[in-house]
Amino acid sequence: MEKQPAFHLAFLVNDLEDAADFYCRVLGGRRGRDAPNWVDVDLHGHQLSLHKGENLTPIQGYSEVDGHPVPMPHFGVVLSFARWEALVERIYQHQWPFLLKPRERFAGQPAEQGTFFVQDPSGNTLEFKGLRELHRIFEV
């Protein structure tokens, strides 16, 4: 099977070092290239480019999903369920707060998954999903 290509996302953060620390130390990413106004991070095989910004207002609104107010916009990574569980434990170990605590959705259905939301130090919202069967991500 061909390896899935990496996704690239560039976004603003208030403080490059605080953000890089969060993505690397708390979420388990790996720091890559950098310059005075940006830092690249390998987050579970995907390239994030953190860029220095100011006066950010990352949450623009909310959308109700399963009775929970989900911040918009948000981004994240889809992981195997085992990797998702390990990330949940890592975040607990670093005592980082969950915006929406880990929970499971779609029990017994093809897209059965775990999900949680956190925010980086700049207020950017991330959702991490853990699928029991990754190949069924788009099935209903």
N, C-alpha and C. Protein backbone atom coordinates (compact mmCIF):
# COMPACT_ATOMS: atom_id res chain seq x y z
N MET A 1 0.84 -1.18 0.00
CA MET A 1 0.00 0.00 0.00
C MET A 1 0.90 1.25 0.00
N GLU A 2 0.53 2.23 -0.81
CA GLU A 2 1.29 3.48 -0.89
C GLU A 2 1.09 4.30 0.39
N LYS A 3 2.19 4.89 0.87
CA LYS A 3 2.12 5.72 2.07
C LYS A 3 1.33 6.98 1.77
N GLN A 4 0.45 7.35 2.69
CA GLN A 4 -0.36 8.56 2.54
C GLN A 4 0.56 9.78 2.57
N PRO A 5 0.40 10.73 1.65
CA PRO A 5 1.24 11.92 1.66
C PRO A 5 1.00 12.77 2.91
N ALA A 6 2.01 13.52 3.29
CA ALA A 6 1.89 14.39 4.46
C ALA A 6 1.06 15.62 4.11
N PHE A 7 0.37 16.12 5.11
CA PHE A 7 -0.41 17.33 4.98
C PHE A 7 0.43 18.50 5.49
N HIS A 8 0.32 19.66 4.86
CA HIS A 8 1.04 20.86 5.29
C HIS A 8 0.02 21.91 5.73
N LEU A 9 0.27 22.51 6.90
CA LEU A 9 -0.59 23.58 7.38
C LEU A 9 0.29 24.66 8.00
N ALA A 10 0.13 25.89 7.55
CA ALA A 10 0.85 27.03 8.10
C ALA A 10 -0.17 27.92 8.82
N PHE A 11 0.18 28.36 10.02
CA PHE A 11 -0.74 29.19 10.80
C PHE A 11 0.04 30.05 11.78
N LEU A 12 -0.65 31.03 12.35
CA LEU A 12 -0.03 32.00 13.24
C LEU A 12 -0.06 31.56 14.69
N VAL A 13 0.99 31.92 15.41
CA VAL A 13 1.08 31.71 16.85
C VAL A 13 1.64 33.00 17.47
N ASN A 14 1.32 33.23 18.75
CA ASN A 14 1.80 34.43 19.43
C ASN A 14 3.29 34.37 19.75
N ASP A 15 3.75 33.20 20.20
CA ASP A 15 5.13 33.04 20.64
C ASP A 15 5.68 31.75 20.03
N LEU A 16 6.67 31.87 19.17
CA LEU A 16 7.20 30.70 18.46
C LEU A 16 7.74 29.63 19.41
N GLU A 17 8.51 30.02 20.41
CA GLU A 17 9.11 29.02 21.30
C GLU A 17 8.06 28.33 22.17
N ASP A 18 7.08 29.07 22.67
CA ASP A 18 6.00 28.44 23.45
C ASP A 18 5.23 27.46 22.58
N ALA A 19 4.93 27.87 21.36
CA ALA A 19 4.17 27.00 20.45
C ALA A 19 5.00 25.76 20.08
N ALA A 20 6.27 25.95 19.73
CA ALA A 20 7.12 24.81 19.37
C ALA A 20 7.24 23.84 20.54
N ASP A 21 7.36 24.37 21.75
CA ASP A 21 7.42 23.52 22.94
C ASP A 21 6.15 22.69 23.08
N PHE A 22 4.99 23.30 22.91
CA PHE A 22 3.72 22.58 23.00
C PHE A 22 3.64 21.47 21.96
N TYR A 23 3.91 21.81 20.70
CA TYR A 23 3.76 20.81 19.62
C TYR A 23 4.79 19.69 19.73
N CYS A 24 5.97 19.98 20.28
CA CYS A 24 7.00 18.96 20.40
C CYS A 24 6.94 18.24 21.74
N ARG A 25 7.00 18.95 22.83
CA ARG A 25 7.06 18.31 24.15
C ARG A 25 5.72 17.70 24.55
N VAL A 26 4.63 18.44 24.39
CA VAL A 26 3.32 17.95 24.84
C VAL A 26 2.71 16.98 23.84
N LEU A 27 2.73 17.33 22.54
CA LEU A 27 2.08 16.48 21.53
C LEU A 27 3.00 15.47 20.87
N GLY A 28 4.30 15.53 21.16
CA GLY A 28 5.22 14.53 20.63
C GLY A 28 5.73 14.80 19.23
N GLY A 29 5.62 16.03 18.76
CA GLY A 29 6.14 16.39 17.44
C GLY A 29 7.66 16.48 17.46
N ARG A 30 8.22 16.75 16.29
CA ARG A 30 9.68 16.90 16.15
C ARG A 30 9.96 18.20 15.43
N ARG A 31 10.81 19.02 16.04
CA ARG A 31 11.15 20.31 15.46
C ARG A 31 11.97 20.11 14.20
N GLY A 32 11.67 20.91 13.17
CA GLY A 32 12.40 20.86 11.91
C GLY A 32 13.11 22.18 11.65
N ARG A 33 13.09 22.60 10.40
CA ARG A 33 13.74 23.85 10.03
C ARG A 33 13.09 25.02 10.76
N ASP A 34 13.88 26.11 10.89
CA ASP A 34 13.30 27.31 11.49
C ASP A 34 14.02 28.55 10.98
N ALA A 35 13.44 29.67 11.26
CA ALA A 35 13.97 30.99 10.92
C ALA A 35 13.48 31.93 12.01
N PRO A 36 13.90 33.18 12.01
CA PRO A 36 13.45 34.08 13.08
C PRO A 36 11.93 34.24 13.20
N ASN A 37 11.18 34.05 12.11
CA ASN A 37 9.73 34.26 12.18
C ASN A 37 8.89 33.02 11.92
N TRP A 38 9.50 31.82 11.86
CA TRP A 38 8.73 30.59 11.69
C TRP A 38 9.51 29.38 12.18
N VAL A 39 8.76 28.31 12.50
CA VAL A 39 9.33 27.02 12.91
C VAL A 39 8.48 25.93 12.27
N ASP A 40 9.15 24.96 11.65
CA ASP A 40 8.45 23.78 11.12
C ASP A 40 8.45 22.68 12.17
N VAL A 41 7.33 21.96 12.26
CA VAL A 41 7.19 20.84 13.19
C VAL A 41 6.62 19.64 12.44
N ASP A 42 7.22 18.48 12.65
CA ASP A 42 6.70 17.21 12.15
C ASP A 42 5.75 16.69 13.22
N LEU A 43 4.45 16.75 12.95
CA LEU A 43 3.44 16.28 13.90
C LEU A 43 2.79 15.03 13.34
N HIS A 44 3.23 13.87 13.82
CA HIS A 44 2.70 12.58 13.37
C HIS A 44 2.78 12.45 11.85
N GLY A 45 3.91 12.90 11.28
CA GLY A 45 4.13 12.76 9.84
C GLY A 45 3.60 13.89 9.00
N HIS A 46 3.04 14.92 9.61
CA HIS A 46 2.49 16.06 8.88
C HIS A 46 3.28 17.32 9.21
N GLN A 47 3.40 18.21 8.24
CA GLN A 47 4.23 19.40 8.40
C GLN A 47 3.39 20.59 8.84
N LEU A 48 3.68 21.06 10.06
CA LEU A 48 3.08 22.30 10.55
C LEU A 48 4.12 23.39 10.45
N SER A 49 3.73 24.55 9.97
CA SER A 49 4.62 25.71 9.94
C SER A 49 4.03 26.77 10.86
N LEU A 50 4.69 26.96 11.99
CA LEU A 50 4.26 27.94 12.98
C LEU A 50 4.87 29.28 12.59
N HIS A 51 4.05 30.30 12.41
CA HIS A 51 4.52 31.62 12.00
C HIS A 51 4.18 32.63 13.08
N LYS A 52 5.11 33.53 13.33
CA LYS A 52 4.92 34.55 14.35
C LYS A 52 3.79 35.50 13.93
N GLY A 53 2.81 35.65 14.83
CA GLY A 53 1.70 36.56 14.60
C GLY A 53 1.45 37.40 15.84
N GLU A 54 0.47 38.27 15.76
CA GLU A 54 0.12 39.11 16.90
C GLU A 54 -1.39 39.28 16.95
N ASN A 55 -1.90 39.49 18.17
CA ASN A 55 -3.33 39.78 18.38
C ASN A 55 -4.23 38.76 17.70
N LEU A 56 -3.97 37.49 17.96
CA LEU A 56 -4.73 36.42 17.31
C LEU A 56 -6.09 36.23 17.97
N THR A 57 -7.07 35.87 17.16
CA THR A 57 -8.39 35.47 17.65
C THR A 57 -8.77 34.18 16.94
N PRO A 58 -8.13 33.05 17.34
CA PRO A 58 -8.31 31.80 16.60
C PRO A 58 -9.74 31.26 16.56
N ILE A 59 -10.48 31.32 17.67
CA ILE A 59 -11.85 30.78 17.64
C ILE A 59 -12.78 31.83 17.07
N GLN A 60 -13.44 31.47 15.98
CA GLN A 60 -14.35 32.40 15.31
C GLN A 60 -15.81 32.07 15.60
N GLY A 61 -16.06 30.90 16.15
CA GLY A 61 -17.43 30.48 16.45
C GLY A 61 -17.44 29.03 16.89
N TYR A 62 -18.65 28.50 17.06
CA TYR A 62 -18.83 27.13 17.52
C TYR A 62 -19.89 26.45 16.67
N SER A 63 -19.75 25.14 16.55
CA SER A 63 -20.75 24.32 15.88
C SER A 63 -21.07 23.16 16.81
N GLU A 64 -22.34 22.87 17.00
CA GLU A 64 -22.72 21.78 17.89
C GLU A 64 -22.53 20.43 17.20
N VAL A 65 -21.78 19.55 17.86
CA VAL A 65 -21.55 18.19 17.36
C VAL A 65 -21.81 17.25 18.52
N ASP A 66 -22.77 16.37 18.38
CA ASP A 66 -23.13 15.42 19.44
C ASP A 66 -23.40 16.14 20.77
N GLY A 67 -23.98 17.33 20.71
CA GLY A 67 -24.31 18.06 21.93
C GLY A 67 -23.14 18.81 22.55
N HIS A 68 -22.00 18.87 21.85
CA HIS A 68 -20.82 19.57 22.36
C HIS A 68 -20.54 20.80 21.48
N PRO A 69 -20.19 21.94 22.08
CA PRO A 69 -19.83 23.12 21.29
C PRO A 69 -18.40 22.98 20.77
N VAL A 70 -18.26 22.69 19.48
CA VAL A 70 -16.95 22.46 18.88
C VAL A 70 -16.44 23.78 18.30
N PRO A 71 -15.24 24.22 18.76
CA PRO A 71 -14.68 25.48 18.26
C PRO A 71 -14.34 25.41 16.78
N MET A 72 -14.61 26.50 16.08
CA MET A 72 -14.30 26.63 14.66
C MET A 72 -13.44 27.87 14.46
N PRO A 73 -12.44 27.80 13.64
CA PRO A 73 -11.93 26.61 12.97
C PRO A 73 -11.10 25.76 13.91
N HIS A 74 -10.83 24.54 13.47
CA HIS A 74 -9.89 23.66 14.17
C HIS A 74 -9.25 22.74 13.14
N PHE A 75 -8.15 22.14 13.53
CA PHE A 75 -7.47 21.17 12.68
C PHE A 75 -6.93 20.08 13.58
N GLY A 76 -6.45 19.01 13.00
CA GLY A 76 -5.90 17.94 13.81
C GLY A 76 -5.38 16.81 12.98
N VAL A 77 -5.14 15.69 13.66
CA VAL A 77 -4.56 14.53 13.02
C VAL A 77 -5.43 13.32 13.34
N VAL A 78 -5.61 12.45 12.36
CA VAL A 78 -6.31 11.19 12.56
C VAL A 78 -5.25 10.12 12.80
N LEU A 79 -5.38 9.40 13.90
CA LEU A 79 -4.40 8.40 14.33
C LEU A 79 -5.06 7.04 14.48
N SER A 80 -4.25 6.01 14.59
CA SER A 80 -4.78 4.71 14.98
C SER A 80 -5.28 4.86 16.42
N PHE A 81 -6.17 3.99 16.85
CA PHE A 81 -6.72 4.11 18.20
C PHE A 81 -5.63 3.96 19.25
N ALA A 82 -4.68 3.07 19.03
CA ALA A 82 -3.60 2.87 20.00
C ALA A 82 -2.73 4.12 20.11
N ARG A 83 -2.41 4.76 18.99
CA ARG A 83 -1.61 6.00 19.04
C ARG A 83 -2.41 7.13 19.67
N TRP A 84 -3.71 7.17 19.42
CA TRP A 84 -4.58 8.18 20.03
C TRP A 84 -4.59 8.01 21.54
N GLU A 85 -4.75 6.77 22.02
CA GLU A 85 -4.74 6.53 23.47
C GLU A 85 -3.41 6.94 24.10
N ALA A 86 -2.30 6.67 23.40
CA ALA A 86 -0.98 7.06 23.92
C ALA A 86 -0.87 8.59 23.99
N LEU A 87 -1.43 9.28 23.00
CA LEU A 87 -1.39 10.75 23.02
C LEU A 87 -2.25 11.30 24.15
N VAL A 88 -3.39 10.69 24.40
CA VAL A 88 -4.23 11.10 25.54
C VAL A 88 -3.41 11.01 26.82
N GLU A 89 -2.73 9.90 27.02
CA GLU A 89 -1.91 9.72 28.23
C GLU A 89 -0.79 10.74 28.30
N ARG A 90 -0.17 11.02 27.16
CA ARG A 90 0.92 12.00 27.12
C ARG A 90 0.43 13.38 27.55
N ILE A 91 -0.74 13.76 27.07
CA ILE A 91 -1.30 15.07 27.42
C ILE A 91 -1.64 15.12 28.91
N TYR A 92 -2.21 14.03 29.44
CA TYR A 92 -2.46 13.97 30.89
C TYR A 92 -1.16 14.08 31.67
N GLN A 93 -0.11 13.39 31.23
CA GLN A 93 1.18 13.43 31.92
C GLN A 93 1.76 14.84 31.95
N HIS A 94 1.55 15.60 30.89
CA HIS A 94 2.05 16.97 30.83
C HIS A 94 1.08 17.96 31.47
N GLN A 95 -0.02 17.44 31.98
CA GLN A 95 -1.03 18.25 32.67
C GLN A 95 -1.52 19.41 31.81
N TRP A 96 -1.65 19.12 30.51
CA TRP A 96 -2.19 20.12 29.60
C TRP A 96 -3.72 19.99 29.62
N PRO A 97 -4.45 21.08 29.68
CA PRO A 97 -5.92 20.98 29.77
C PRO A 97 -6.56 20.57 28.44
N PHE A 98 -7.58 19.76 28.54
CA PHE A 98 -8.39 19.41 27.37
C PHE A 98 -9.49 20.46 27.24
N LEU A 99 -9.73 20.91 26.03
CA LEU A 99 -10.85 21.80 25.76
C LEU A 99 -12.14 20.98 25.78
N LEU A 100 -12.12 19.85 25.11
CA LEU A 100 -13.19 18.84 25.19
C LEU A 100 -12.48 17.53 25.49
N LYS A 101 -12.83 16.92 26.61
CA LYS A 101 -12.13 15.72 27.10
C LYS A 101 -12.30 14.53 26.15
N PRO A 102 -11.36 13.59 26.24
CA PRO A 102 -11.44 12.39 25.38
C PRO A 102 -12.75 11.64 25.58
N ARG A 103 -13.32 11.23 24.45
CA ARG A 103 -14.55 10.44 24.47
C ARG A 103 -14.61 9.62 23.19
N GLU A 104 -15.50 8.64 23.20
CA GLU A 104 -15.67 7.78 22.02
C GLU A 104 -16.98 8.10 21.33
N ARG A 105 -16.95 7.98 20.00
CA ARG A 105 -18.12 8.24 19.17
C ARG A 105 -18.36 7.07 18.23
N PHE A 106 -19.59 6.94 17.78
CA PHE A 106 -19.98 5.96 16.76
C PHE A 106 -19.67 4.53 17.16
N ALA A 107 -19.88 4.19 18.42
CA ALA A 107 -19.60 2.84 18.92
C ALA A 107 -20.32 1.80 18.06
N GLY A 108 -19.57 0.78 17.66
CA GLY A 108 -20.11 -0.32 16.87
C GLY A 108 -20.33 0.00 15.41
N GLN A 109 -20.00 1.22 14.98
CA GLN A 109 -20.17 1.61 13.58
C GLN A 109 -18.81 1.59 12.87
N PRO A 110 -18.82 1.62 11.54
CA PRO A 110 -17.55 1.56 10.81
C PRO A 110 -16.55 2.65 11.21
N ALA A 111 -17.01 3.85 11.49
CA ALA A 111 -16.10 4.95 11.82
C ALA A 111 -15.94 5.14 13.34
N GLU A 112 -16.05 4.05 14.11
CA GLU A 112 -15.89 4.13 15.56
C GLU A 112 -14.57 4.81 15.89
N GLN A 113 -14.63 5.79 16.79
CA GLN A 113 -13.45 6.61 17.03
C GLN A 113 -13.45 7.24 18.41
N GLY A 114 -12.26 7.62 18.81
CA GLY A 114 -12.10 8.47 19.98
C GLY A 114 -11.79 9.87 19.48
N THR A 115 -12.13 10.88 20.28
CA THR A 115 -11.85 12.25 19.89
C THR A 115 -11.59 13.10 21.13
N PHE A 116 -10.77 14.12 20.98
CA PHE A 116 -10.59 15.12 22.01
C PHE A 116 -10.09 16.40 21.36
N PHE A 117 -10.24 17.51 22.08
CA PHE A 117 -9.79 18.81 21.61
C PHE A 117 -8.87 19.44 22.65
N VAL A 118 -7.82 20.08 22.17
CA VAL A 118 -6.92 20.88 23.00
C VAL A 118 -6.66 22.19 22.25
N GLN A 119 -6.11 23.15 22.99
CA GLN A 119 -5.68 24.39 22.36
C GLN A 119 -4.19 24.58 22.60
N ASP A 120 -3.50 25.14 21.60
CA ASP A 120 -2.09 25.45 21.78
C ASP A 120 -1.99 26.74 22.61
N PRO A 121 -0.78 27.16 22.99
CA PRO A 121 -0.65 28.36 23.82
C PRO A 121 -1.20 29.63 23.18
N SER A 122 -1.39 29.64 21.86
CA SER A 122 -1.93 30.81 21.16
C SER A 122 -3.44 30.75 20.99
N GLY A 123 -4.07 29.65 21.43
CA GLY A 123 -5.51 29.50 21.30
C GLY A 123 -5.96 28.81 20.03
N ASN A 124 -5.03 28.28 19.21
CA ASN A 124 -5.42 27.49 18.05
C ASN A 124 -5.97 26.16 18.55
N THR A 125 -7.10 25.75 18.01
CA THR A 125 -7.78 24.54 18.47
C THR A 125 -7.41 23.36 17.59
N LEU A 126 -7.10 22.22 18.26
CA LEU A 126 -6.75 20.99 17.57
C LEU A 126 -7.68 19.87 18.02
N GLU A 127 -8.10 19.06 17.07
CA GLU A 127 -8.86 17.85 17.37
C GLU A 127 -8.01 16.66 16.95
N PHE A 128 -7.94 15.67 17.82
CA PHE A 128 -7.26 14.43 17.49
C PHE A 128 -8.29 13.31 17.52
N LYS A 129 -8.33 12.54 16.42
CA LYS A 129 -9.24 11.41 16.32
C LYS A 129 -8.42 10.14 16.30
N GLY A 130 -8.93 9.12 16.99
CA GLY A 130 -8.32 7.81 16.97
C GLY A 130 -9.32 6.81 16.43
N LEU A 131 -9.04 6.25 15.27
CA LEU A 131 -9.96 5.30 14.66
C LEU A 131 -9.53 3.88 14.94
N ARG A 132 -10.50 3.04 15.23
CA ARG A 132 -10.22 1.62 15.46
C ARG A 132 -9.83 0.95 14.14
N GLU A 133 -10.40 1.45 13.02
CA GLU A 133 -10.07 0.92 11.70
C GLU A 133 -9.83 2.13 10.78
N LEU A 134 -8.57 2.52 10.66
CA LEU A 134 -8.23 3.73 9.90
C LEU A 134 -8.78 3.75 8.48
N HIS A 135 -8.81 2.60 7.84
CA HIS A 135 -9.25 2.55 6.44
C HIS A 135 -10.74 2.87 6.29
N ARG A 136 -11.46 2.95 7.40
CA ARG A 136 -12.91 3.21 7.33
C ARG A 136 -13.26 4.65 7.69
N ILE A 137 -12.30 5.55 7.62
CA ILE A 137 -12.50 6.93 8.06
C ILE A 137 -13.67 7.63 7.37
N PHE A 138 -13.93 7.33 6.11
CA PHE A 138 -14.98 8.02 5.37
C PHE A 138 -16.28 7.22 5.27
N GLU A 139 -16.35 6.08 5.92
CA GLU A 139 -17.55 5.25 5.86
C GLU A 139 -18.61 5.78 6.83
N VAL A 140 -19.86 5.55 6.50
CA VAL A 140 -20.96 5.95 7.38
C VAL A 140 -21.57 4.75 8.07
